[in-house]
Amino acid sequence: MKLPVHRWYRYSAGYSSEWAVKLIRHWGVTRVLDPFGGSGTTCLAAQESGASSYAVEVHPTVARIARAKLLWETDPDNLRDVVSRVLRIVDKKHAVDVPSSPLVAKCFPDSESLADLLRIRDAVNALPDGESTTELAWLAFVSIIRACSPVGTAQWQYVLPNKSKRRVAEPIAAFQAAGELFADDMETHQFLLGASPADAHLLSGDARTLDGVPEAWADAVITSPPYANNYDYADALRLEQIVLGDIEGWSDLRPLRDVLLRSATQNIGTWKAEEALKSTLMAPILDEFIPVYEELSEVRKTRGGHKAYHAMLAGYFFDNSKVFQALRQKTSPGVKVCYVVGDSAPYGVHAPVERWLGELAIAAGFSSWEFTKVRDRNTKWKNRKHTHPLHEGYLWIEG
């Protein structure tokens, strides 16, 4: 999160770019695929390694952030000019439409600061469509939204209106500083990587189909799927999406939840777990999975939230089985795969995620899997809901 270009947006759901660079170089691969593209870490790491890449990301705002990062080849002076143009428009203090959102009201109690922020948004939106400097200016704006709010943010991107931070940025100065940071990083990256880096494609799409990725293309897959821990990816950027004008509030997240991997109970909707339980895709793990599913369906009756973790896990492994089926079509013989993944224990009922994912990969046509534990999880949180030991590490899969 401190490296040039990577630091343009602090998206928590990621992993070390330096590690990914080392892995790509160690493998000696030239075509890297990331089915859960996130904010573009794998694509940027591939470029640093001289490898071509494809990444697929279903969250439209996150995908746009990643695509903007990949525009670091743009002339930095052109970006500086666009930032100056935006600020000249903002200086005229035009009237703005303030979102009628309780979340925005809580996050921006200073009406004048909010007005300046929205003036920057409007000026950026007025820039010509399709130009790289427009996308970079858009990302510069997105990157300052939280910095300009006095409310706190949890480690995993959730907004915390009841907590405040000591330092609050002023929108105009923050946007100018972000533009200069971007331009400086672009100059650094261009100096280090040269004028013609390897191709990187960030597609908006679904990991379960990988539409747009060439058949049998990738000789390596480096990724980290959503963990089965009920983290709400749809809600992670709700504040940014409201300020941008993409949504008005919580209810507008439903279409996104319907296409996200079922790693959270909020993403289940009206989907019925029986579809997974009756599918041949789940057959390799079903004997082990059913007892966990049934135990969770009983435990939830004793818990206040009554969360449908049993259905979430059914959807999670059903969806991931589809991902492996798609990956098998998009990868070449002998492909090397690394999943950064953690296990799960909703309501204290353990799910051996890496083993079940490995078995689903074998069923999809891959040849072998093994797991390397990197660290323990769930050991520091004072408010943890269970004491089952959890871990995180690398799931290695051979093609």
Protein backbone atom coordinates (compact mmCIF):
# COMPACT_ATOMS: atom_id res chain seq x y z
CA MET A 1 0.00 0.00 0.00
CA LYS A 2 3.05 2.28 0.05
CA LEU A 3 4.44 1.37 -3.36
CA PRO A 4 4.13 3.78 -6.31
CA VAL A 5 0.88 3.34 -8.27
CA HIS A 6 -0.40 0.67 -5.84
CA ARG A 7 -0.90 3.39 -3.22
CA TRP A 8 -3.25 5.41 -5.40
CA TYR A 9 -6.20 3.70 -3.75
CA ARG A 10 -5.94 1.82 -0.45
CA TYR A 11 -8.17 -1.18 -1.14
CA SER A 12 -7.80 -3.51 1.82
CA ALA A 13 -8.67 -6.77 0.07
CA GLY A 14 -5.29 -7.36 -1.52
CA TYR A 15 -1.88 -8.98 -1.11
CA SER A 16 1.76 -8.02 -1.58
CA SER A 17 2.72 -6.94 -5.06
CA GLU A 18 6.38 -7.61 -4.28
CA TRP A 19 5.49 -11.21 -3.41
CA ALA A 20 3.56 -11.59 -6.68
CA VAL A 21 6.50 -10.19 -8.66
CA LYS A 22 8.87 -12.69 -7.04
CA LEU A 23 6.48 -15.58 -7.71
CA ILE A 24 6.04 -14.68 -11.40
CA ARG A 25 9.79 -14.42 -11.86
CA HIS A 26 10.43 -17.63 -9.94
CA TRP A 27 7.98 -19.52 -12.11
CA GLY A 28 9.36 -17.92 -15.27
CA VAL A 29 5.84 -17.51 -16.70
CA THR A 30 4.76 -14.96 -19.31
CA ARG A 31 0.91 -14.98 -19.24
CA VAL A 32 -0.75 -14.39 -15.87
CA LEU A 33 -4.46 -14.53 -15.07
CA ASP A 34 -6.29 -13.22 -11.99
CA PRO A 35 -10.00 -14.18 -11.86
CA PHE A 36 -10.55 -11.93 -8.81
CA GLY A 37 -8.75 -8.87 -10.11
CA GLY A 38 -9.56 -6.44 -7.29
CA SER A 39 -7.67 -3.17 -7.59
CA GLY A 40 -5.15 -4.53 -10.09
CA THR A 41 -2.28 -5.84 -7.96
CA THR A 42 -1.63 -8.92 -10.09
CA CYS A 43 -1.68 -6.99 -13.37
CA LEU A 44 0.74 -4.39 -12.04
CA ALA A 45 3.01 -7.11 -10.66
CA ALA A 46 2.94 -8.89 -14.02
CA GLN A 47 3.99 -5.68 -15.78
CA GLU A 48 6.89 -5.29 -13.36
CA SER A 49 7.89 -8.86 -14.22
CA GLY A 50 7.59 -8.43 -17.99
CA ALA A 51 4.58 -10.76 -18.21
CA SER A 52 1.28 -10.14 -20.00
CA SER A 53 -1.86 -10.36 -17.88
CA TYR A 54 -5.62 -10.57 -17.72
CA ALA A 55 -7.72 -9.84 -14.66
CA VAL A 56 -11.48 -10.02 -14.19
CA GLU A 57 -13.34 -7.99 -11.55
CA VAL A 58 -17.10 -7.98 -10.99
CA HIS A 59 -17.37 -4.85 -8.78
CA PRO A 60 -17.71 -1.99 -11.30
CA THR A 61 -16.10 0.69 -9.12
CA VAL A 62 -13.19 -1.53 -8.11
CA ALA A 63 -12.68 -2.53 -11.75
CA ARG A 64 -12.56 1.13 -12.80
CA ILE A 65 -10.02 1.85 -10.05
CA ALA A 66 -7.82 -0.98 -11.34
CA ARG A 67 -8.07 0.16 -14.95
CA ALA A 68 -7.10 3.68 -13.93
CA LYS A 69 -4.00 2.37 -12.15
CA LEU A 70 -2.96 0.64 -15.35
CA LEU A 71 -2.86 4.03 -17.11
CA TRP A 72 0.43 4.94 -15.43
CA GLU A 73 2.02 5.14 -18.92
CA THR A 74 0.15 8.41 -19.53
CA ASP A 75 2.21 11.61 -19.82
CA PRO A 76 2.38 12.91 -16.22
CA ASP A 77 2.45 16.52 -17.37
CA ASN A 78 -0.86 16.00 -19.16
CA LEU A 79 -2.35 14.82 -15.87
CA ARG A 80 -0.95 17.86 -14.07
CA ASP A 81 -2.62 20.08 -16.68
CA VAL A 82 -5.98 18.34 -16.20
CA VAL A 83 -5.76 18.65 -12.41
CA SER A 84 -5.07 22.38 -12.79
CA ARG A 85 -8.03 22.70 -15.16
CA VAL A 86 -10.32 20.98 -12.67
CA LEU A 87 -9.19 23.26 -9.84
CA ARG A 88 -9.78 26.39 -11.92
CA ILE A 89 -13.39 25.28 -12.43
CA VAL A 90 -13.78 24.45 -8.73
CA ASP A 91 -12.47 27.89 -7.80
CA LYS A 92 -15.56 29.46 -9.39
CA LYS A 93 -17.67 27.99 -6.56
CA HIS A 94 -20.56 26.73 -8.69
CA ALA A 95 -23.66 25.35 -6.95
CA VAL A 96 -23.78 21.60 -6.32
CA ASP A 97 -26.42 18.93 -5.80
CA VAL A 98 -25.79 17.34 -2.41
CA PRO A 99 -26.72 13.63 -2.19
CA SER A 100 -29.75 13.11 0.04
CA SER A 101 -27.98 10.33 1.91
CA PRO A 102 -27.84 9.93 5.71
CA LEU A 103 -24.41 8.33 5.30
CA VAL A 104 -23.05 11.37 3.46
CA ALA A 105 -24.57 13.69 6.07
CA LYS A 106 -22.83 11.75 8.86
CA CYS A 107 -19.52 11.56 7.04
CA PHE A 108 -19.40 15.22 5.97
CA PRO A 109 -20.83 17.48 8.68
CA ASP A 110 -18.92 20.48 7.24
CA SER A 111 -21.19 21.63 4.41
CA GLU A 112 -18.57 23.85 2.75
CA SER A 113 -15.98 21.08 2.68
CA LEU A 114 -18.57 18.74 1.17
CA ALA A 115 -19.50 21.40 -1.40
CA ASP A 116 -15.86 21.73 -2.51
CA LEU A 117 -15.58 17.95 -2.75
CA LEU A 118 -18.69 17.78 -4.94
CA ARG A 119 -17.42 20.65 -7.10
CA ILE A 120 -14.31 18.59 -7.80
CA ARG A 121 -16.52 15.62 -8.65
CA ASP A 122 -18.59 17.70 -11.07
CA ALA A 123 -15.52 19.17 -12.75
CA VAL A 124 -13.99 15.70 -13.17
CA ASN A 125 -17.26 14.37 -14.59
CA ALA A 126 -17.22 17.17 -17.16
CA LEU A 127 -13.87 16.02 -18.57
CA PRO A 128 -13.89 14.26 -21.98
CA ASP A 129 -14.93 10.61 -21.84
CA GLY A 130 -12.46 7.91 -22.78
CA GLU A 131 -9.25 9.84 -22.13
CA SER A 132 -6.62 8.41 -19.82
CA THR A 133 -6.19 11.70 -17.98
CA THR A 134 -9.94 11.72 -17.25
CA GLU A 135 -9.73 8.27 -15.63
CA LEU A 136 -6.67 9.27 -13.62
CA ALA A 137 -8.37 12.46 -12.43
CA TRP A 138 -11.42 10.38 -11.49
CA LEU A 139 -9.26 8.04 -9.40
CA ALA A 140 -7.49 11.00 -7.80
CA PHE A 141 -10.91 12.26 -6.71
CA VAL A 142 -12.04 8.84 -5.45
CA SER A 143 -8.81 8.52 -3.45
CA ILE A 144 -9.50 11.68 -1.40
CA ILE A 145 -13.16 11.10 -0.48
CA ARG A 146 -12.45 9.43 2.86
CA ALA A 147 -9.46 11.62 3.62
CA CYS A 148 -11.78 14.63 3.48
CA SER A 149 -14.24 13.15 5.99
CA PRO A 150 -13.67 13.34 9.75
CA VAL A 151 -15.23 9.91 10.39
CA GLY A 152 -13.18 6.80 10.88
CA THR A 153 -12.76 3.79 8.63
CA ALA A 154 -12.32 0.21 9.79
CA GLN A 155 -9.38 -1.84 8.56
CA TRP A 156 -11.66 -3.54 6.05
CA GLN A 157 -13.04 -0.40 4.44
CA TYR A 158 -16.26 -0.05 6.42
CA VAL A 159 -17.16 3.51 7.37
CA LEU A 160 -17.41 4.16 11.13
CA PRO A 161 -19.52 7.32 11.61
CA ASN A 162 -19.21 7.10 15.41
CA LYS A 163 -15.42 7.33 15.31
CA SER A 164 -13.39 10.34 14.22
CA LYS A 165 -9.84 10.83 13.01
CA ARG A 166 -7.39 13.50 14.04
CA ARG A 167 -6.39 14.76 10.60
CA VAL A 168 -8.97 15.72 8.00
CA ALA A 169 -7.90 16.79 4.53
CA GLU A 170 -9.21 19.92 2.77
CA PRO A 171 -10.67 18.80 -0.60
CA ILE A 172 -8.95 21.25 -2.95
CA ALA A 173 -5.50 20.78 -1.40
CA ALA A 174 -6.06 17.00 -1.20
CA PHE A 175 -7.00 16.72 -4.88
CA GLN A 176 -4.02 18.80 -5.94
CA ALA A 177 -1.71 16.64 -3.79
CA ALA A 178 -3.22 13.41 -5.17
CA GLY A 179 -2.69 14.61 -8.73
CA GLU A 180 0.94 15.41 -8.00
CA LEU A 181 1.46 12.07 -6.23
CA PHE A 182 0.02 10.26 -9.25
CA ALA A 183 2.23 12.23 -11.65
CA ASP A 184 5.36 11.56 -9.58
CA ASP A 185 4.59 7.84 -9.40
CA MET A 186 3.98 7.75 -13.16
CA GLU A 187 7.40 9.28 -13.78
CA THR A 188 9.00 6.73 -11.45
CA HIS A 189 7.22 3.77 -13.02
CA GLN A 190 7.98 4.94 -16.55
CA PHE A 191 11.66 5.32 -15.68
CA LEU A 192 11.86 1.87 -14.09
CA LEU A 193 9.74 -0.10 -16.56
CA GLY A 194 10.36 1.75 -19.79
CA ALA A 195 8.01 3.00 -22.47
CA SER A 196 6.52 -0.33 -23.60
CA PRO A 197 5.45 -2.49 -20.64
CA ALA A 198 3.74 -5.85 -21.11
CA ASP A 199 0.03 -5.82 -21.97
CA ALA A 200 -2.39 -5.77 -19.05
CA HIS A 201 -6.14 -6.22 -19.49
CA LEU A 202 -8.60 -5.53 -16.68
CA LEU A 203 -12.05 -6.81 -17.63
CA SER A 204 -15.35 -6.10 -15.92
CA GLY A 205 -16.91 -9.53 -15.57
CA ASP A 206 -17.61 -12.65 -13.57
CA ALA A 207 -14.92 -15.04 -12.31
CA ARG A 208 -17.37 -17.91 -12.84
CA THR A 209 -17.26 -17.41 -16.62
CA LEU A 210 -14.11 -15.35 -17.34
CA ASP A 211 -15.67 -14.01 -20.53
CA GLY A 212 -13.16 -12.07 -22.62
CA VAL A 213 -10.11 -14.09 -21.55
CA PRO A 214 -8.68 -16.09 -24.48
CA GLU A 215 -9.06 -19.87 -24.37
CA ALA A 216 -6.08 -21.85 -23.02
CA TRP A 217 -4.17 -18.58 -22.60
CA ALA A 218 -2.70 -18.39 -19.10
CA ASP A 219 0.38 -20.28 -17.97
CA ALA A 220 -0.06 -18.96 -14.42
CA VAL A 221 -2.91 -17.93 -12.11
CA ILE A 222 -2.26 -15.73 -9.08
CA THR A 223 -5.29 -14.64 -7.12
CA SER A 224 -7.10 -14.37 -3.82
CA PRO A 225 -10.81 -15.20 -3.84
CA PRO A 226 -13.18 -13.59 -1.34
CA TYR A 227 -12.90 -15.46 1.95
CA ALA A 228 -15.95 -17.27 3.30
CA ASN A 229 -16.08 -14.94 6.30
CA ASN A 230 -19.23 -12.88 5.60
CA TYR A 231 -17.31 -9.75 4.61
CA ASP A 232 -19.66 -7.53 2.62
CA TYR A 233 -17.74 -6.49 -0.50
CA ALA A 234 -20.80 -4.72 -1.88
CA ASP A 235 -20.84 -2.37 1.09
CA ALA A 236 -17.11 -1.68 1.14
CA LEU A 237 -17.27 1.25 -1.31
CA ARG A 238 -20.81 2.41 -0.59
CA LEU A 239 -19.67 5.88 0.53
CA GLU A 240 -17.60 6.40 -2.62
CA GLN A 241 -20.41 5.19 -4.87
CA ILE A 242 -22.93 7.54 -3.24
CA VAL A 243 -20.62 10.56 -3.48
CA LEU A 244 -19.88 9.66 -7.11
CA GLY A 245 -23.62 9.52 -7.82
CA ASP A 246 -23.52 5.88 -8.90
CA ILE A 247 -26.02 4.82 -6.23
CA GLU A 248 -28.31 6.57 -3.76
CA GLY A 249 -28.07 4.16 -0.85
CA TRP A 250 -28.02 0.67 0.61
CA SER A 251 -30.93 -0.70 -1.44
CA ASP A 252 -29.11 0.10 -4.69
CA LEU A 253 -26.45 -2.48 -3.80
CA ARG A 254 -28.83 -5.39 -4.46
CA PRO A 255 -27.93 -5.80 -8.18
CA LEU A 256 -24.25 -5.96 -7.23
CA ARG A 257 -24.88 -8.49 -4.46
CA ASP A 258 -26.66 -10.73 -6.97
CA VAL A 259 -23.48 -11.10 -9.05
CA LEU A 260 -20.87 -11.24 -6.30
CA LEU A 261 -19.41 -14.56 -5.19
CA ARG A 262 -21.56 -15.91 -2.36
CA SER A 263 -18.99 -15.28 0.39
CA ALA A 264 -21.45 -13.31 2.54
CA THR A 265 -24.99 -14.00 3.69
CA GLN A 266 -26.02 -10.63 2.18
CA ASN A 267 -25.25 -12.06 -1.28
CA ILE A 268 -27.62 -15.02 -1.08
CA GLY A 269 -30.85 -13.13 -1.85
CA THR A 270 -33.53 -15.51 -3.02
CA TRP A 271 -31.04 -18.16 -4.15
CA LYS A 272 -31.75 -21.66 -2.83
CA ALA A 273 -28.91 -23.82 -1.53
CA GLU A 274 -30.57 -26.92 -2.98
CA GLU A 275 -29.17 -25.93 -6.38
CA ALA A 276 -25.66 -26.48 -5.04
CA LEU A 277 -26.46 -29.58 -3.04
CA LYS A 278 -27.97 -31.29 -6.09
CA SER A 279 -25.24 -30.23 -8.51
CA THR A 280 -22.60 -32.65 -9.72
CA LEU A 281 -20.10 -29.81 -9.34
CA MET A 282 -20.28 -30.22 -5.57
CA ALA A 283 -20.00 -34.02 -5.64
CA PRO A 284 -16.26 -34.17 -4.76
CA ILE A 285 -16.81 -32.54 -1.35
CA LEU A 286 -20.46 -33.30 -0.64
CA ASP A 287 -19.91 -36.15 1.85
CA GLU A 288 -17.80 -33.85 4.03
CA PHE A 289 -19.81 -30.73 3.35
CA ILE A 290 -23.29 -32.01 4.28
CA PRO A 291 -22.53 -32.52 8.01
CA VAL A 292 -21.13 -28.95 8.22
CA TYR A 293 -24.14 -27.61 6.33
CA GLU A 294 -26.59 -29.41 8.62
CA GLU A 295 -24.79 -28.36 11.80
CA LEU A 296 -24.81 -24.72 10.74
CA SER A 297 -28.51 -24.88 9.85
CA GLU A 298 -29.18 -26.01 13.43
CA VAL A 299 -26.73 -23.67 15.19
CA ARG A 300 -28.23 -20.60 13.53
CA LYS A 301 -31.53 -21.27 15.33
CA THR A 302 -29.75 -20.63 18.65
CA ARG A 303 -28.05 -17.38 17.57
CA GLY A 304 -29.55 -13.92 17.64
CA GLY A 305 -28.67 -13.01 14.07
CA HIS A 306 -29.95 -16.29 12.57
CA LYS A 307 -27.41 -15.82 9.76
CA ALA A 308 -27.75 -18.35 6.95
CA TYR A 309 -24.11 -19.42 6.99
CA HIS A 310 -25.09 -22.91 5.85
CA ALA A 311 -26.52 -21.48 2.61
CA MET A 312 -23.60 -19.06 2.25
CA LEU A 313 -21.07 -21.89 2.35
CA ALA A 314 -23.11 -23.92 -0.13
CA GLY A 315 -23.10 -20.96 -2.48
CA TYR A 316 -19.43 -20.24 -1.84
CA PHE A 317 -18.16 -23.67 -2.86
CA PHE A 318 -20.71 -23.99 -5.66
CA ASP A 319 -19.52 -20.68 -7.11
CA ASN A 320 -15.87 -21.58 -6.69
CA SER A 321 -16.43 -24.88 -8.48
CA LYS A 322 -17.63 -22.82 -11.45
CA VAL A 323 -14.53 -20.63 -11.19
CA PHE A 324 -12.29 -23.69 -11.45
CA GLN A 325 -14.28 -24.96 -14.43
CA ALA A 326 -13.76 -21.60 -16.14
CA LEU A 327 -10.08 -21.47 -15.20
CA ARG A 328 -9.49 -24.88 -16.74
CA GLN A 329 -10.76 -23.53 -20.06
CA LYS A 330 -8.64 -20.37 -19.89
CA THR A 331 -5.34 -21.95 -18.82
CA SER A 332 -2.73 -23.89 -20.76
CA PRO A 333 -1.50 -27.43 -19.95
CA GLY A 334 0.96 -27.36 -17.06
CA VAL A 335 -0.41 -24.11 -15.64
CA LYS A 336 0.74 -23.10 -12.17
CA VAL A 337 -1.87 -21.70 -9.79
CA CYS A 338 -1.58 -19.93 -6.44
CA TYR A 339 -4.65 -19.03 -4.38
CA VAL A 340 -4.11 -16.86 -1.31
CA VAL A 341 -6.88 -18.17 0.91
CA GLY A 342 -8.03 -18.65 4.49
CA ASP A 343 -10.29 -21.18 6.18
CA SER A 344 -13.57 -20.32 7.90
CA ALA A 345 -15.56 -21.14 11.05
CA PRO A 346 -18.92 -19.34 11.01
CA TYR A 347 -20.69 -19.75 14.36
CA GLY A 348 -17.63 -21.79 15.36
CA VAL A 349 -18.33 -24.56 12.83
CA HIS A 350 -15.12 -25.19 10.89
CA ALA A 351 -14.97 -25.36 7.09
CA PRO A 352 -11.62 -26.60 5.68
CA VAL A 353 -11.71 -24.14 2.80
CA GLU A 354 -8.34 -24.89 1.22
CA ARG A 355 -8.97 -28.67 1.15
CA TRP A 356 -12.41 -28.34 -0.37
CA LEU A 357 -11.17 -25.83 -2.94
CA GLY A 358 -8.32 -28.15 -3.82
CA GLU A 359 -10.71 -31.06 -4.36
CA LEU A 360 -12.97 -28.91 -6.54
CA ALA A 361 -9.94 -27.93 -8.61
CA ILE A 362 -9.04 -31.59 -9.18
CA ALA A 363 -12.63 -32.30 -10.24
CA ALA A 364 -12.39 -29.45 -12.76
CA GLY A 365 -9.40 -31.08 -14.45
CA PHE A 366 -6.35 -29.84 -12.57
CA SER A 367 -3.83 -32.48 -11.55
CA SER A 368 -2.81 -31.79 -7.95
CA TRP A 369 -2.94 -29.41 -5.00
CA GLU A 370 -1.13 -28.69 -1.75
CA PHE A 371 -1.36 -26.03 0.93
CA THR A 372 1.31 -23.96 2.69
CA LYS A 373 0.22 -22.21 5.87
CA VAL A 374 1.59 -18.67 6.18
CA ARG A 375 0.03 -17.37 9.38
CA ASP A 376 -2.62 -17.89 12.01
CA ARG A 377 -5.80 -15.81 11.96
CA ASN A 378 -8.45 -14.85 14.51
CA THR A 379 -5.94 -14.60 17.36
CA LYS A 380 -5.89 -10.83 18.02
CA TRP A 381 -9.53 -9.78 17.87
CA LYS A 382 -10.96 -9.21 21.34
CA ASN A 383 -14.53 -9.39 20.02
CA ARG A 384 -14.14 -12.64 18.10
CA LYS A 385 -17.26 -14.77 18.14
CA HIS A 386 -15.53 -18.15 18.46
CA THR A 387 -12.21 -19.64 19.53
CA HIS A 388 -11.64 -22.05 16.65
CA PRO A 389 -8.08 -21.54 15.32
CA LEU A 390 -7.97 -20.25 11.76
CA HIS A 391 -5.15 -19.88 9.29
CA GLU A 392 -4.23 -18.36 5.95
CA GLY A 393 -1.78 -19.40 3.28
CA TYR A 394 -1.07 -20.50 -0.28
CA LEU A 395 -3.13 -23.10 -2.09
CA TRP A 396 -0.84 -24.39 -4.85
CA ILE A 397 -2.57 -26.08 -7.78
CA GLU A 398 -0.91 -27.74 -10.79
CA GLY A 399 -2.52 -27.95 -14.22
